[in-house]
Amino acid sequence: MATAVAAMRYRHRAQDPHQVEDRQTTSIQGDLLNDDYTPMEFVVEVLKAVFHKPHADATRIMLHVHQNGMGVAGVYPFEVAETKTHTVEELARQAEYPLKCVMERSN
């Protein structure tokens, strides 16, 4: 839900041609949100498969998400971040886990 809302906000703002250009060049981070049900192993596998993280990095990110409630999986152009976010949520849905991935503007 948050992903769809974020995407709609970016699309809604992109009325002006300059805003379209900004959207294409803006760095967006994909954030994983912690929950009490998704197994840590699943999160590591998602990070490896979707975000192409090595096992050690995926484990480090997963532990950060687990301990801090959220963590950055990667920073990408808008369209790439949107695709990865949807892919994570679809994999979680298929596996019947509540894992969420949201997009936010990178600092």
N, C-alpha and C. Protein backbone atom coordinates (compact mmCIF):
# COMPACT_ATOMS: atom_id res chain seq x y z
N MET A 1 0.83 -1.19 0.00
CA MET A 1 0.00 0.00 0.00
C MET A 1 0.87 1.25 0.00
N ALA A 2 1.87 1.29 0.88
CA ALA A 2 2.74 2.46 0.94
C ALA A 2 3.48 2.66 -0.37
N THR A 3 3.85 1.56 -1.03
CA THR A 3 4.53 1.65 -2.31
C THR A 3 3.64 2.30 -3.35
N ALA A 4 2.40 1.87 -3.40
CA ALA A 4 1.46 2.44 -4.37
C ALA A 4 1.24 3.92 -4.09
N VAL A 5 1.14 4.27 -2.84
CA VAL A 5 0.95 5.67 -2.47
C VAL A 5 2.16 6.49 -2.88
N ALA A 6 3.35 5.99 -2.61
CA ALA A 6 4.56 6.71 -2.99
C ALA A 6 4.65 6.88 -4.50
N ALA A 7 4.34 5.83 -5.24
CA ALA A 7 4.37 5.90 -6.70
C ALA A 7 3.35 6.91 -7.21
N MET A 8 2.16 6.92 -6.63
CA MET A 8 1.14 7.87 -7.06
C MET A 8 1.60 9.30 -6.77
N ARG A 9 2.23 9.52 -5.64
CA ARG A 9 2.72 10.86 -5.32
C ARG A 9 3.73 11.33 -6.35
N TYR A 10 4.67 10.44 -6.72
CA TYR A 10 5.67 10.82 -7.71
C TYR A 10 5.01 11.06 -9.07
N ARG A 11 4.08 10.21 -9.45
CA ARG A 11 3.40 10.39 -10.73
C ARG A 11 2.58 11.67 -10.74
N HIS A 12 1.91 11.94 -9.64
CA HIS A 12 1.09 13.14 -9.56
C HIS A 12 1.94 14.40 -9.66
N ARG A 13 3.10 14.38 -9.04
CA ARG A 13 3.99 15.54 -9.07
C ARG A 13 4.61 15.75 -10.45
N ALA A 14 4.67 14.70 -11.24
CA ALA A 14 5.39 14.75 -12.51
C ALA A 14 4.54 15.31 -13.64
N GLN A 15 3.86 16.43 -13.41
CA GLN A 15 3.07 17.08 -14.45
C GLN A 15 3.94 18.00 -15.30
N ASP A 16 4.86 18.68 -14.68
CA ASP A 16 5.75 19.62 -15.32
C ASP A 16 6.89 18.82 -15.97
N PRO A 17 7.31 19.17 -17.21
CA PRO A 17 8.42 18.44 -17.85
C PRO A 17 9.69 18.43 -17.01
N HIS A 18 9.94 19.51 -16.25
CA HIS A 18 11.13 19.52 -15.39
C HIS A 18 11.00 18.49 -14.27
N GLN A 19 9.78 18.30 -13.78
CA GLN A 19 9.57 17.31 -12.74
C GLN A 19 9.74 15.90 -13.28
N VAL A 20 9.35 15.67 -14.53
CA VAL A 20 9.57 14.36 -15.14
C VAL A 20 11.05 14.06 -15.18
N GLU A 21 11.84 15.07 -15.58
CA GLU A 21 13.29 14.89 -15.62
C GLU A 21 13.83 14.62 -14.22
N ASP A 22 13.34 15.35 -13.21
CA ASP A 22 13.77 15.12 -11.84
C ASP A 22 13.46 13.70 -11.40
N ARG A 23 12.28 13.21 -11.77
CA ARG A 23 11.88 11.86 -11.39
C ARG A 23 12.82 10.83 -11.98
N GLN A 24 13.29 11.09 -13.19
CA GLN A 24 14.18 10.14 -13.85
C GLN A 24 15.59 10.18 -13.27
N THR A 25 15.98 11.32 -12.70
CA THR A 25 17.34 11.43 -12.17
C THR A 25 17.39 11.35 -10.65
N THR A 26 16.24 11.38 -9.98
CA THR A 26 16.21 11.32 -8.53
C THR A 26 16.55 9.92 -8.05
N SER A 27 17.39 9.85 -7.05
CA SER A 27 17.71 8.56 -6.46
C SER A 27 16.65 8.20 -5.42
N ILE A 28 16.15 6.99 -5.55
CA ILE A 28 15.12 6.49 -4.64
C ILE A 28 15.69 5.27 -3.93
N GLN A 29 15.48 5.22 -2.63
CA GLN A 29 15.95 4.04 -1.91
C GLN A 29 14.79 3.10 -1.63
N GLY A 30 15.09 1.82 -1.76
CA GLY A 30 14.14 0.79 -1.41
C GLY A 30 14.39 0.38 0.03
N ASP A 31 13.40 0.59 0.89
CA ASP A 31 13.54 0.27 2.31
C ASP A 31 12.72 -0.96 2.66
N LEU A 32 13.34 -1.91 3.33
CA LEU A 32 12.62 -3.07 3.85
C LEU A 32 12.14 -2.74 5.26
N LEU A 33 10.91 -3.14 5.56
CA LEU A 33 10.34 -2.89 6.88
C LEU A 33 10.27 -4.18 7.67
N ASN A 34 10.66 -4.14 8.92
CA ASN A 34 10.65 -5.32 9.77
C ASN A 34 9.22 -5.72 10.14
N ASP A 35 9.02 -7.00 10.30
CA ASP A 35 7.76 -7.51 10.86
C ASP A 35 8.10 -8.72 11.72
N ASP A 36 7.12 -9.21 12.45
CA ASP A 36 7.37 -10.32 13.38
C ASP A 36 7.18 -11.70 12.77
N TYR A 37 6.87 -11.78 11.49
CA TYR A 37 6.50 -13.06 10.90
C TYR A 37 7.40 -13.54 9.76
N THR A 38 7.97 -12.63 9.01
CA THR A 38 8.81 -13.03 7.88
C THR A 38 10.13 -13.60 8.39
N PRO A 39 10.47 -14.83 7.99
CA PRO A 39 11.73 -15.42 8.46
C PRO A 39 12.95 -14.64 7.95
N MET A 40 13.96 -14.56 8.78
CA MET A 40 15.19 -13.86 8.41
C MET A 40 15.80 -14.45 7.16
N GLU A 41 15.72 -15.76 7.01
CA GLU A 41 16.29 -16.43 5.84
C GLU A 41 15.60 -15.97 4.55
N PHE A 42 14.29 -15.74 4.62
CA PHE A 42 13.55 -15.26 3.45
C PHE A 42 14.03 -13.86 3.07
N VAL A 43 14.22 -13.02 4.05
CA VAL A 43 14.68 -11.65 3.80
C VAL A 43 16.06 -11.68 3.14
N VAL A 44 16.95 -12.53 3.63
CA VAL A 44 18.28 -12.66 3.04
C VAL A 44 18.16 -13.11 1.59
N GLU A 45 17.33 -14.09 1.32
CA GLU A 45 17.16 -14.59 -0.05
C GLU A 45 16.59 -13.52 -0.98
N VAL A 46 15.65 -12.72 -0.48
CA VAL A 46 15.09 -11.62 -1.27
C VAL A 46 16.18 -10.59 -1.59
N LEU A 47 16.97 -10.25 -0.60
CA LEU A 47 18.05 -9.28 -0.83
C LEU A 47 19.05 -9.80 -1.86
N LYS A 48 19.32 -11.08 -1.84
CA LYS A 48 20.24 -11.66 -2.81
C LYS A 48 19.61 -11.72 -4.21
N ALA A 49 18.36 -12.14 -4.28
CA ALA A 49 17.71 -12.35 -5.58
C ALA A 49 17.27 -11.04 -6.24
N VAL A 50 16.67 -10.15 -5.49
CA VAL A 50 16.10 -8.94 -6.07
C VAL A 50 17.12 -7.80 -6.12
N PHE A 51 17.90 -7.65 -5.05
CA PHE A 51 18.83 -6.53 -4.97
C PHE A 51 20.26 -6.92 -5.30
N HIS A 52 20.49 -8.19 -5.63
CA HIS A 52 21.79 -8.72 -6.06
C HIS A 52 22.90 -8.45 -5.02
N LYS A 53 22.54 -8.64 -3.76
CA LYS A 53 23.50 -8.46 -2.67
C LYS A 53 24.25 -9.76 -2.42
N PRO A 54 25.55 -9.69 -2.14
CA PRO A 54 26.26 -10.89 -1.70
C PRO A 54 25.68 -11.37 -0.37
N HIS A 55 25.88 -12.63 -0.06
CA HIS A 55 25.30 -13.21 1.15
C HIS A 55 25.65 -12.42 2.41
N ALA A 56 26.91 -12.03 2.56
CA ALA A 56 27.34 -11.30 3.76
C ALA A 56 26.62 -9.95 3.86
N ASP A 57 26.50 -9.23 2.75
CA ASP A 57 25.81 -7.93 2.77
C ASP A 57 24.32 -8.12 3.04
N ALA A 58 23.73 -9.15 2.43
CA ALA A 58 22.31 -9.42 2.65
C ALA A 58 22.03 -9.74 4.11
N THR A 59 22.91 -10.50 4.72
CA THR A 59 22.75 -10.83 6.14
C THR A 59 22.90 -9.59 7.01
N ARG A 60 23.86 -8.74 6.69
CA ARG A 60 24.07 -7.50 7.44
C ARG A 60 22.84 -6.59 7.34
N ILE A 61 22.30 -6.43 6.13
CA ILE A 61 21.11 -5.59 5.93
C ILE A 61 19.92 -6.18 6.68
N MET A 62 19.74 -7.51 6.58
CA MET A 62 18.63 -8.16 7.27
C MET A 62 18.70 -7.93 8.77
N LEU A 63 19.90 -8.05 9.35
CA LEU A 63 20.05 -7.82 10.78
C LEU A 63 19.77 -6.36 11.14
N HIS A 64 20.18 -5.45 10.28
CA HIS A 64 19.89 -4.04 10.51
C HIS A 64 18.37 -3.79 10.51
N VAL A 65 17.68 -4.38 9.54
CA VAL A 65 16.22 -4.26 9.47
C VAL A 65 15.59 -4.84 10.73
N HIS A 66 16.06 -6.00 11.14
CA HIS A 66 15.52 -6.68 12.31
C HIS A 66 15.72 -5.85 13.59
N GLN A 67 16.88 -5.24 13.72
CA GLN A 67 17.20 -4.51 14.94
C GLN A 67 16.66 -3.08 14.95
N ASN A 68 16.49 -2.47 13.78
CA ASN A 68 16.12 -1.05 13.71
C ASN A 68 14.73 -0.79 13.12
N GLY A 69 14.06 -1.84 12.69
CA GLY A 69 12.72 -1.66 12.16
C GLY A 69 12.66 -1.42 10.67
N MET A 70 13.73 -0.95 10.08
CA MET A 70 13.81 -0.77 8.63
C MET A 70 15.26 -0.63 8.22
N GLY A 71 15.50 -0.83 6.94
CA GLY A 71 16.85 -0.70 6.43
C GLY A 71 16.83 -0.53 4.93
N VAL A 72 17.86 0.11 4.41
CA VAL A 72 17.96 0.39 2.98
C VAL A 72 18.50 -0.84 2.26
N ALA A 73 17.72 -1.32 1.31
CA ALA A 73 18.14 -2.45 0.49
C ALA A 73 18.99 -2.00 -0.69
N GLY A 74 18.74 -0.77 -1.16
CA GLY A 74 19.50 -0.24 -2.28
C GLY A 74 18.96 1.10 -2.71
N VAL A 75 19.75 1.82 -3.51
CA VAL A 75 19.36 3.12 -4.04
C VAL A 75 19.42 3.05 -5.56
N TYR A 76 18.32 3.44 -6.20
CA TYR A 76 18.16 3.26 -7.64
C TYR A 76 17.40 4.43 -8.24
N PRO A 77 17.43 4.54 -9.58
CA PRO A 77 16.53 5.48 -10.25
C PRO A 77 15.08 5.06 -9.96
N PHE A 78 14.14 5.98 -10.10
CA PHE A 78 12.75 5.74 -9.72
C PHE A 78 12.19 4.45 -10.30
N GLU A 79 12.28 4.26 -11.62
CA GLU A 79 11.66 3.09 -12.25
C GLU A 79 12.25 1.78 -11.75
N VAL A 80 13.55 1.76 -11.51
CA VAL A 80 14.21 0.55 -11.01
C VAL A 80 13.74 0.28 -9.58
N ALA A 81 13.71 1.31 -8.76
CA ALA A 81 13.25 1.16 -7.37
C ALA A 81 11.81 0.68 -7.33
N GLU A 82 10.98 1.23 -8.21
CA GLU A 82 9.57 0.83 -8.26
C GLU A 82 9.44 -0.65 -8.63
N THR A 83 10.20 -1.09 -9.61
CA THR A 83 10.15 -2.49 -10.03
C THR A 83 10.63 -3.41 -8.91
N LYS A 84 11.73 -3.06 -8.27
CA LYS A 84 12.26 -3.90 -7.20
C LYS A 84 11.29 -3.95 -6.01
N THR A 85 10.69 -2.83 -5.70
CA THR A 85 9.71 -2.79 -4.61
C THR A 85 8.54 -3.71 -4.89
N HIS A 86 8.02 -3.63 -6.11
CA HIS A 86 6.89 -4.50 -6.48
C HIS A 86 7.31 -5.97 -6.48
N THR A 87 8.53 -6.26 -6.93
CA THR A 87 9.02 -7.63 -6.96
C THR A 87 9.11 -8.21 -5.54
N VAL A 88 9.66 -7.43 -4.61
CA VAL A 88 9.76 -7.88 -3.22
C VAL A 88 8.38 -8.19 -2.67
N GLU A 89 7.45 -7.28 -2.87
CA GLU A 89 6.12 -7.48 -2.30
C GLU A 89 5.40 -8.65 -2.96
N GLU A 90 5.63 -8.89 -4.23
CA GLU A 90 5.02 -10.02 -4.90
C GLU A 90 5.62 -11.34 -4.39
N LEU A 91 6.93 -11.40 -4.22
CA LEU A 91 7.56 -12.61 -3.67
C LEU A 91 7.05 -12.89 -2.26
N ALA A 92 6.93 -11.84 -1.45
CA ALA A 92 6.43 -12.01 -0.08
C ALA A 92 4.98 -12.48 -0.11
N ARG A 93 4.18 -11.91 -0.99
CA ARG A 93 2.77 -12.32 -1.09
C ARG A 93 2.67 -13.79 -1.49
N GLN A 94 3.47 -14.20 -2.47
CA GLN A 94 3.44 -15.60 -2.92
C GLN A 94 3.86 -16.55 -1.80
N ALA A 95 4.80 -16.11 -0.97
CA ALA A 95 5.27 -16.95 0.14
C ALA A 95 4.39 -16.78 1.38
N GLU A 96 3.39 -15.91 1.28
CA GLU A 96 2.46 -15.64 2.38
C GLU A 96 3.15 -15.04 3.60
N TYR A 97 4.09 -14.10 3.33
CA TYR A 97 4.74 -13.34 4.38
C TYR A 97 4.34 -11.88 4.27
N PRO A 98 4.32 -11.17 5.38
CA PRO A 98 3.90 -9.77 5.36
C PRO A 98 5.04 -8.77 5.06
N LEU A 99 6.17 -9.23 4.57
CA LEU A 99 7.31 -8.35 4.30
C LEU A 99 6.89 -7.19 3.40
N LYS A 100 7.29 -5.99 3.77
CA LYS A 100 6.99 -4.79 2.99
C LYS A 100 8.28 -4.11 2.56
N CYS A 101 8.23 -3.55 1.36
CA CYS A 101 9.33 -2.76 0.83
C CYS A 101 8.71 -1.46 0.35
N VAL A 102 9.26 -0.34 0.78
CA VAL A 102 8.74 0.96 0.40
C VAL A 102 9.83 1.79 -0.26
N MET A 103 9.40 2.78 -1.02
CA MET A 103 10.33 3.67 -1.69
C MET A 103 10.32 5.02 -0.99
N GLU A 104 11.52 5.62 -0.89
CA GLU A 104 11.58 6.99 -0.42
C GLU A 104 12.77 7.67 -1.07
N ARG A 105 12.68 8.96 -1.18
CA ARG A 105 13.75 9.73 -1.80
C ARG A 105 15.02 9.56 -0.99
N SER A 106 16.11 9.31 -1.68
CA SER A 106 17.41 9.13 -1.02
C SER A 106 17.99 10.49 -0.66
N ASN A 107 18.69 10.54 0.46
CA ASN A 107 19.29 11.81 0.89
C ASN A 107 20.51 12.16 0.09
